[in-house]
């Protein structure tokens, strides 16, 4: 056996359709594209959302809503969560790294501390933003509020 005896498995290689090679081939004339119209022309590409001339769905539906491009998204953490975290790990200082290691926030997230729940220990809290009630509750326990 040598390279001259090698050939592909039976039925694995098909001959390509030779279009536009005269009427005798059976694939001449319109070359299987049908008669006239955009689909028959070379370089035809259907527009995204095209519905055959019918008014497309994205134009039938009304525009609605507003997207504020300057909105800042925060991950909200309540005082009750800080209290349980501080009790569990005997903490005096809570920052974003501690919240991340506890699995409460993910990487590159801005954190806002909200005032739901009670705080019963003195804490130094580092976060990107605080609600008024949360800042008051932390300072009422002689804790410190540090905006990052």
N, C-alpha and C. Protein backbone atom coordinates (compact mmCIF):
# COMPACT_ATOMS: atom_id res chain seq x y z
N UNK A 1 0.83 -1.19 0.00
CA UNK A 1 0.00 0.00 0.00
C UNK A 1 0.88 1.25 0.00
N UNK A 2 0.54 2.24 -0.84
CA UNK A 2 1.25 3.52 -0.86
C UNK A 2 0.26 4.66 -1.11
N UNK A 3 0.75 5.88 -1.24
CA UNK A 3 -0.10 7.06 -1.36
C UNK A 3 -0.99 7.04 -2.60
N UNK A 4 -0.60 6.32 -3.63
CA UNK A 4 -1.40 6.29 -4.86
C UNK A 4 -2.69 5.48 -4.69
N UNK A 5 -2.73 4.59 -3.68
CA UNK A 5 -3.92 3.76 -3.46
C UNK A 5 -4.96 4.42 -2.55
N UNK A 6 -4.58 5.54 -1.89
CA UNK A 6 -5.49 6.16 -0.93
C UNK A 6 -6.61 6.92 -1.63
N UNK A 7 -7.82 6.73 -1.17
CA UNK A 7 -8.94 7.54 -1.65
C UNK A 7 -9.98 7.63 -0.54
N UNK A 8 -10.82 8.71 -0.60
CA UNK A 8 -11.81 8.90 0.47
C UNK A 8 -12.86 7.81 0.49
N UNK A 9 -13.53 7.67 1.62
CA UNK A 9 -14.57 6.66 1.78
C UNK A 9 -15.70 6.93 0.79
N UNK A 10 -16.38 5.89 0.38
CA UNK A 10 -17.43 6.00 -0.62
C UNK A 10 -18.58 6.88 -0.08
N UNK A 11 -18.96 7.89 -0.87
CA UNK A 11 -20.06 8.78 -0.49
C UNK A 11 -19.65 9.97 0.35
N UNK A 12 -18.38 10.06 0.75
CA UNK A 12 -17.97 11.17 1.61
C UNK A 12 -17.63 12.43 0.82
N UNK A 13 -17.33 12.30 -0.45
CA UNK A 13 -17.00 13.47 -1.28
C UNK A 13 -18.07 13.64 -2.35
N UNK A 14 -18.71 14.82 -2.37
CA UNK A 14 -19.73 15.09 -3.37
C UNK A 14 -19.21 16.12 -4.35
N UNK A 15 -19.67 16.05 -5.59
CA UNK A 15 -19.31 17.07 -6.56
C UNK A 15 -20.20 18.28 -6.32
N UNK A 16 -19.62 19.49 -6.48
CA UNK A 16 -20.39 20.70 -6.25
C UNK A 16 -21.31 20.97 -7.43
N UNK A 17 -22.44 21.66 -7.18
CA UNK A 17 -23.36 22.04 -8.25
C UNK A 17 -22.67 23.08 -9.11
N UNK A 18 -22.60 22.86 -10.43
CA UNK A 18 -22.00 23.85 -11.32
C UNK A 18 -23.13 24.65 -11.94
N UNK A 19 -23.32 25.85 -11.42
CA UNK A 19 -24.44 26.68 -11.83
C UNK A 19 -24.06 27.59 -12.99
N UNK A 20 -25.05 27.90 -13.83
CA UNK A 20 -24.85 28.87 -14.90
C UNK A 20 -23.88 28.40 -15.97
N UNK A 21 -23.92 27.13 -16.32
CA UNK A 21 -23.01 26.60 -17.34
C UNK A 21 -23.81 26.12 -18.57
N UNK A 22 -24.87 26.82 -18.87
CA UNK A 22 -25.63 26.50 -20.08
C UNK A 22 -26.88 25.68 -19.82
N UNK A 23 -27.82 25.71 -20.77
CA UNK A 23 -29.09 25.00 -20.63
C UNK A 23 -28.93 23.49 -20.56
N UNK A 24 -27.94 22.98 -21.26
CA UNK A 24 -27.74 21.52 -21.30
C UNK A 24 -27.40 20.93 -19.94
N UNK A 25 -26.85 21.73 -19.05
CA UNK A 25 -26.46 21.22 -17.73
C UNK A 25 -27.66 21.02 -16.82
N UNK A 26 -28.77 21.67 -17.17
CA UNK A 26 -29.95 21.62 -16.30
C UNK A 26 -29.89 22.65 -15.19
N UNK A 27 -28.77 23.34 -15.05
CA UNK A 27 -28.59 24.37 -14.01
C UNK A 27 -28.22 25.71 -14.67
N UNK A 28 -28.67 25.91 -15.92
CA UNK A 28 -28.37 27.15 -16.63
C UNK A 28 -29.50 28.14 -16.41
N UNK A 29 -29.54 29.17 -17.25
CA UNK A 29 -30.64 30.14 -17.19
C UNK A 29 -30.64 30.90 -15.89
N UNK A 30 -31.57 30.59 -15.01
CA UNK A 30 -31.69 31.31 -13.74
C UNK A 30 -30.76 30.77 -12.65
N UNK A 31 -30.07 29.70 -12.92
CA UNK A 31 -29.12 29.10 -11.97
C UNK A 31 -29.75 28.83 -10.62
N UNK A 32 -30.92 28.26 -10.59
CA UNK A 32 -31.68 27.82 -9.41
C UNK A 32 -32.14 28.97 -8.51
N UNK A 33 -32.04 30.23 -9.00
CA UNK A 33 -32.40 31.37 -8.16
C UNK A 33 -33.82 31.87 -8.41
N UNK A 34 -34.53 31.34 -9.37
CA UNK A 34 -35.87 31.83 -9.67
C UNK A 34 -35.82 33.04 -10.58
N UNK A 35 -36.99 33.63 -10.86
CA UNK A 35 -37.07 34.73 -11.81
C UNK A 35 -37.15 36.08 -11.12
N UNK A 36 -36.32 36.99 -11.55
CA UNK A 36 -36.32 38.40 -11.15
C UNK A 36 -36.36 38.63 -9.63
N UNK A 37 -36.29 39.88 -9.24
CA UNK A 37 -36.37 40.24 -7.82
C UNK A 37 -35.01 40.28 -7.15
N UNK A 38 -35.00 40.86 -5.93
CA UNK A 38 -33.74 41.09 -5.20
C UNK A 38 -33.00 39.80 -4.90
N UNK A 39 -33.74 38.73 -4.58
CA UNK A 39 -33.08 37.47 -4.20
C UNK A 39 -32.31 36.85 -5.36
N UNK A 40 -32.68 37.23 -6.60
CA UNK A 40 -32.01 36.65 -7.75
C UNK A 40 -30.69 37.35 -8.04
N UNK A 41 -30.54 38.60 -7.58
CA UNK A 41 -29.36 39.41 -7.91
C UNK A 41 -28.15 38.99 -7.08
N UNK A 42 -26.97 39.28 -7.63
CA UNK A 42 -25.75 38.99 -6.88
C UNK A 42 -25.61 40.04 -5.77
N UNK A 43 -25.02 39.66 -4.67
CA UNK A 43 -24.81 40.60 -3.56
C UNK A 43 -26.04 40.82 -2.72
N UNK A 44 -27.09 40.00 -2.92
CA UNK A 44 -28.32 40.16 -2.13
C UNK A 44 -28.08 39.76 -0.69
N UNK A 45 -28.58 40.59 0.22
CA UNK A 45 -28.52 40.25 1.64
C UNK A 45 -29.78 40.82 2.29
N UNK A 46 -30.55 39.99 2.97
CA UNK A 46 -31.78 40.44 3.60
C UNK A 46 -31.46 41.31 4.80
N UNK A 47 -32.12 42.46 4.91
CA UNK A 47 -31.90 43.35 6.05
C UNK A 47 -32.40 42.69 7.33
N UNK A 48 -31.74 42.98 8.44
CA UNK A 48 -32.12 42.45 9.73
C UNK A 48 -33.52 42.95 10.08
N UNK A 49 -34.44 42.07 10.39
CA UNK A 49 -35.80 42.46 10.73
C UNK A 49 -36.70 42.69 9.53
N UNK A 50 -36.22 42.40 8.32
CA UNK A 50 -37.03 42.62 7.11
C UNK A 50 -38.16 41.60 7.06
N UNK A 51 -39.38 42.08 6.77
CA UNK A 51 -40.55 41.20 6.77
C UNK A 51 -41.24 41.22 5.41
N UNK A 52 -40.46 41.26 4.34
CA UNK A 52 -41.03 41.19 3.01
C UNK A 52 -41.81 42.42 2.61
N UNK A 53 -41.44 43.56 3.14
CA UNK A 53 -42.12 44.81 2.79
C UNK A 53 -43.18 45.20 3.80
N UNK A 54 -43.65 44.24 4.59
CA UNK A 54 -44.59 44.56 5.67
C UNK A 54 -43.85 45.43 6.68
N UNK A 55 -44.57 46.31 7.37
CA UNK A 55 -43.95 47.18 8.37
C UNK A 55 -43.33 46.31 9.47
N UNK A 56 -42.02 46.40 9.67
CA UNK A 56 -41.34 45.51 10.62
C UNK A 56 -41.80 45.72 12.07
N UNK A 57 -41.67 44.70 12.87
CA UNK A 57 -42.12 44.72 14.26
C UNK A 57 -41.49 45.87 15.04
N UNK A 58 -40.20 46.11 14.85
CA UNK A 58 -39.53 47.16 15.62
C UNK A 58 -40.03 48.55 15.24
N UNK A 59 -40.73 48.69 14.10
CA UNK A 59 -41.31 49.99 13.74
C UNK A 59 -42.80 50.06 14.07
N UNK A 60 -43.43 48.90 14.24
CA UNK A 60 -44.85 48.87 14.60
C UNK A 60 -45.07 49.20 16.07
N UNK A 61 -44.11 48.82 16.91
CA UNK A 61 -44.25 49.05 18.35
C UNK A 61 -43.80 50.45 18.71
N UNK A 62 -44.46 51.11 19.67
CA UNK A 62 -44.07 52.47 20.03
C UNK A 62 -42.79 52.49 20.86
N UNK A 63 -42.12 53.63 20.80
CA UNK A 63 -40.95 53.82 21.66
C UNK A 63 -41.46 54.06 23.07
N UNK A 64 -40.74 53.59 24.07
CA UNK A 64 -41.16 53.87 25.44
C UNK A 64 -39.97 53.86 26.37
N UNK A 65 -40.12 54.60 27.44
CA UNK A 65 -39.10 54.56 28.50
C UNK A 65 -37.97 55.54 28.30
N UNK A 66 -37.06 55.52 29.26
CA UNK A 66 -35.93 56.42 29.30
C UNK A 66 -34.80 55.72 30.04
N UNK A 67 -33.61 55.80 29.52
CA UNK A 67 -32.44 55.19 30.13
C UNK A 67 -31.50 56.30 30.59
N UNK A 68 -31.37 56.47 31.88
CA UNK A 68 -30.50 57.51 32.42
C UNK A 68 -29.05 57.05 32.33
N UNK A 69 -28.26 57.74 31.49
CA UNK A 69 -26.88 57.28 31.27
C UNK A 69 -25.96 57.66 32.44
N UNK A 70 -26.40 58.59 33.31
CA UNK A 70 -25.55 58.95 34.44
C UNK A 70 -25.96 58.28 35.74
N UNK A 71 -26.82 57.27 35.68
CA UNK A 71 -27.26 56.56 36.88
C UNK A 71 -26.09 55.76 37.47
N UNK A 72 -26.00 55.79 38.79
CA UNK A 72 -24.97 55.02 39.49
C UNK A 72 -25.66 53.88 40.22
N UNK A 73 -25.26 52.65 39.93
CA UNK A 73 -25.86 51.47 40.55
C UNK A 73 -25.06 51.08 41.80
N UNK A 74 -25.76 50.91 42.92
CA UNK A 74 -25.12 50.48 44.16
C UNK A 74 -25.66 49.11 44.58
N UNK A 75 -24.84 48.35 45.28
CA UNK A 75 -25.30 47.11 45.92
C UNK A 75 -25.68 47.50 47.35
N UNK A 76 -26.94 47.28 47.70
CA UNK A 76 -27.44 47.70 49.00
C UNK A 76 -27.12 46.67 50.08
N UNK A 77 -26.57 47.15 51.18
CA UNK A 77 -26.29 46.30 52.35
C UNK A 77 -26.94 46.98 53.56
N UNK A 78 -27.75 46.24 54.30
CA UNK A 78 -28.45 46.80 55.46
C UNK A 78 -27.62 46.69 56.73
N UNK A 79 -27.99 47.49 57.73
CA UNK A 79 -27.31 47.46 59.03
C UNK A 79 -27.43 46.10 59.70
N UNK A 80 -28.58 45.44 59.52
CA UNK A 80 -28.77 44.11 60.13
C UNK A 80 -27.73 43.12 59.60
N UNK A 81 -27.38 43.24 58.32
CA UNK A 81 -26.36 42.37 57.72
C UNK A 81 -24.99 42.66 58.33
N UNK A 82 -24.69 43.96 58.51
CA UNK A 82 -23.41 44.34 59.14
C UNK A 82 -23.33 43.83 60.56
N UNK A 83 -24.47 43.91 61.30
CA UNK A 83 -24.52 43.45 62.68
C UNK A 83 -24.20 41.96 62.77
N UNK A 84 -24.87 41.14 61.95
CA UNK A 84 -24.63 39.69 61.98
C UNK A 84 -23.20 39.34 61.56
N UNK A 85 -22.69 40.08 60.57
CA UNK A 85 -21.32 39.84 60.09
C UNK A 85 -20.31 40.19 61.19
N UNK A 86 -20.53 41.30 61.88
CA UNK A 86 -19.62 41.73 62.94
C UNK A 86 -19.66 40.79 64.14
N UNK A 87 -20.86 40.30 64.49
CA UNK A 87 -20.98 39.35 65.61
C UNK A 87 -20.30 38.03 65.28
N UNK A 88 -20.54 37.55 64.08
CA UNK A 88 -20.03 36.24 63.66
C UNK A 88 -18.50 36.22 63.63
N UNK A 89 -17.88 37.31 63.13
CA UNK A 89 -16.43 37.34 62.95
C UNK A 89 -15.70 38.24 63.94
N UNK A 90 -16.42 38.76 64.95
CA UNK A 90 -15.83 39.65 65.97
C UNK A 90 -15.07 40.81 65.31
N UNK A 91 -15.76 41.60 64.49
CA UNK A 91 -15.12 42.69 63.75
C UNK A 91 -15.41 44.05 64.37
N UNK A 92 -14.43 44.96 64.25
CA UNK A 92 -14.63 46.35 64.64
C UNK A 92 -14.64 47.25 63.42
N UNK A 93 -14.09 46.73 62.30
CA UNK A 93 -14.01 47.51 61.06
C UNK A 93 -14.57 46.67 59.92
N UNK A 94 -15.49 47.27 59.15
CA UNK A 94 -16.05 46.57 58.00
C UNK A 94 -15.81 47.42 56.76
N UNK A 95 -15.16 46.82 55.76
CA UNK A 95 -14.97 47.51 54.48
C UNK A 95 -15.41 46.60 53.33
N UNK A 96 -15.20 47.07 52.12
CA UNK A 96 -15.67 46.34 50.93
C UNK A 96 -14.98 44.98 50.80
N UNK A 97 -13.71 44.92 51.17
CA UNK A 97 -12.96 43.65 51.09
C UNK A 97 -13.58 42.59 51.99
N UNK A 98 -13.97 42.97 53.18
CA UNK A 98 -14.59 42.03 54.13
C UNK A 98 -15.95 41.56 53.58
N UNK A 99 -16.72 42.50 53.03
CA UNK A 99 -18.01 42.14 52.43
C UNK A 99 -17.81 41.20 51.25
N UNK A 100 -16.75 41.43 50.48
CA UNK A 100 -16.46 40.58 49.31
C UNK A 100 -16.06 39.17 49.76
N UNK A 101 -15.22 39.09 50.79
CA UNK A 101 -14.78 37.77 51.28
C UNK A 101 -15.94 37.01 51.93
N UNK A 102 -16.94 37.75 52.46
CA UNK A 102 -18.12 37.10 53.05
C UNK A 102 -19.11 36.66 51.97
N UNK A 103 -18.85 37.08 50.72
CA UNK A 103 -19.72 36.68 49.61
C UNK A 103 -20.95 37.55 49.45
N UNK A 104 -20.96 38.73 50.07
CA UNK A 104 -22.12 39.62 49.99
C UNK A 104 -22.08 40.51 48.75
N UNK A 105 -20.89 40.87 48.29
CA UNK A 105 -20.77 41.69 47.07
C UNK A 105 -19.74 41.07 46.15
N UNK A 106 -19.85 41.40 44.87
CA UNK A 106 -18.87 40.91 43.90
C UNK A 106 -17.85 42.00 43.61
N UNK A 107 -16.85 41.65 42.81
CA UNK A 107 -15.76 42.56 42.48
C UNK A 107 -16.29 43.76 41.68
N UNK A 108 -15.68 44.91 41.86
CA UNK A 108 -16.00 46.14 41.12
C UNK A 108 -17.44 46.62 41.31
N UNK A 109 -18.01 46.39 42.49
CA UNK A 109 -19.37 46.84 42.77
C UNK A 109 -19.31 47.96 43.79
N UNK A 110 -20.13 49.00 43.58
CA UNK A 110 -20.22 50.09 44.55
C UNK A 110 -21.20 49.68 45.65
N UNK A 111 -20.85 49.95 46.90
CA UNK A 111 -21.64 49.50 48.04
C UNK A 111 -22.31 50.69 48.73
N UNK A 112 -23.61 50.55 49.02
CA UNK A 112 -24.33 51.57 49.78
C UNK A 112 -24.90 50.91 51.04
N UNK A 113 -24.68 51.53 52.19
CA UNK A 113 -25.18 51.01 53.45
C UNK A 113 -26.54 51.66 53.73
N UNK A 114 -27.55 50.81 53.96
CA UNK A 114 -28.91 51.28 54.24
C UNK A 114 -29.28 51.02 55.69
N UNK A 115 -30.30 51.74 56.19
CA UNK A 115 -30.59 51.76 57.62
C UNK A 115 -31.55 50.73 58.18
N UNK A 116 -31.89 49.68 57.48
CA UNK A 116 -32.83 48.68 58.02
C UNK A 116 -32.11 47.79 59.04
N UNK A 117 -32.74 47.57 60.16
CA UNK A 117 -32.16 46.73 61.21
C UNK A 117 -31.52 47.58 62.30
N UNK A 118 -31.00 46.89 63.32
CA UNK A 118 -30.39 47.61 64.45
C UNK A 118 -28.91 47.26 64.53
N UNK A 119 -28.16 48.26 64.94
CA UNK A 119 -26.73 48.07 65.14
C UNK A 119 -26.47 48.17 66.64
N UNK A 120 -25.80 47.16 67.20
CA UNK A 120 -25.59 47.14 68.65
C UNK A 120 -24.13 47.14 69.05
N UNK A 121 -23.26 47.46 68.12
CA UNK A 121 -21.84 47.55 68.46
C UNK A 121 -21.16 48.68 67.70
N UNK A 122 -20.04 49.13 68.24
CA UNK A 122 -19.28 50.22 67.62
C UNK A 122 -18.53 49.68 66.42
N UNK A 123 -18.78 50.28 65.25
CA UNK A 123 -18.14 49.82 64.02
C UNK A 123 -17.56 50.97 63.22
N UNK A 124 -16.45 50.68 62.56
CA UNK A 124 -15.91 51.61 61.58
C UNK A 124 -16.28 51.03 60.22
N UNK A 125 -17.16 51.74 59.49
CA UNK A 125 -17.70 51.20 58.24
C UNK A 125 -17.18 52.01 57.05
N UNK A 126 -16.54 51.32 56.11
CA UNK A 126 -16.04 51.94 54.88
C UNK A 126 -16.94 51.50 53.73
N UNK A 127 -17.56 52.45 53.02
CA UNK A 127 -18.41 52.14 51.86
C UNK A 127 -18.44 53.33 50.92
N UNK A 128 -19.02 53.10 49.74
CA UNK A 128 -19.08 54.15 48.73
C UNK A 128 -20.18 55.18 49.02
N UNK A 129 -21.23 54.75 49.70
CA UNK A 129 -22.33 55.66 50.02
C UNK A 129 -23.09 55.15 51.23
N UNK A 130 -23.77 56.08 51.93
CA UNK A 130 -24.56 55.74 53.11
C UNK A 130 -25.90 56.47 53.03
N UNK A 131 -26.96 55.81 53.51
CA UNK A 131 -28.22 56.53 53.66
C UNK A 131 -28.13 57.34 54.95
N UNK A 132 -28.98 58.37 55.08
CA UNK A 132 -28.95 59.22 56.28
C UNK A 132 -29.17 58.41 57.54
N UNK A 133 -30.19 57.53 57.49
CA UNK A 133 -30.54 56.75 58.69
C UNK A 133 -29.41 55.79 59.07
N UNK A 134 -28.74 55.24 58.08
CA UNK A 134 -27.63 54.32 58.36
C UNK A 134 -26.46 55.06 59.00
N UNK A 135 -26.12 56.21 58.45
CA UNK A 135 -25.01 57.01 59.01
C UNK A 135 -25.32 57.43 60.44
N UNK A 136 -26.58 57.84 60.70
CA UNK A 136 -26.99 58.24 62.06
C UNK A 136 -26.91 57.07 63.02
N UNK A 137 -27.35 55.88 62.58
CA UNK A 137 -27.34 54.69 63.45
C UNK A 137 -25.92 54.26 63.79
N UNK A 138 -25.01 54.35 62.83
CA UNK A 138 -23.61 53.98 63.07
C UNK A 138 -22.98 54.98 64.05
N UNK A 139 -23.22 56.27 63.84
CA UNK A 139 -22.64 57.30 64.70
C UNK A 139 -23.29 57.32 66.09
N UNK A 140 -24.52 56.84 66.19
CA UNK A 140 -25.19 56.75 67.50
C UNK A 140 -24.50 55.72 68.40
N UNK A 141 -23.87 54.73 67.79
CA UNK A 141 -23.13 53.72 68.54
C UNK A 141 -21.64 54.11 68.70
N UNK A 142 -21.32 55.40 68.47
CA UNK A 142 -19.95 55.93 68.50
C UNK A 142 -19.04 55.31 67.43
N UNK A 143 -19.65 54.82 66.37
CA UNK A 143 -18.89 54.28 65.25
C UNK A 143 -18.52 55.38 64.27
N UNK A 144 -17.74 55.02 63.25
CA UNK A 144 -17.33 56.02 62.27
C UNK A 144 -17.80 55.60 60.87
N UNK A 145 -18.19 56.61 60.09
CA UNK A 145 -18.64 56.40 58.71
C UNK A 145 -17.55 56.96 57.80
N UNK A 146 -17.01 56.09 56.92
CA UNK A 146 -15.94 56.53 56.01
C UNK A 146 -16.40 56.27 54.58
N UNK A 147 -16.55 57.40 53.81
CA UNK A 147 -16.91 57.27 52.40
C UNK A 147 -15.65 57.04 51.59
N UNK A 148 -15.69 56.03 50.73
CA UNK A 148 -14.51 55.70 49.91
C UNK A 148 -14.48 56.65 48.73
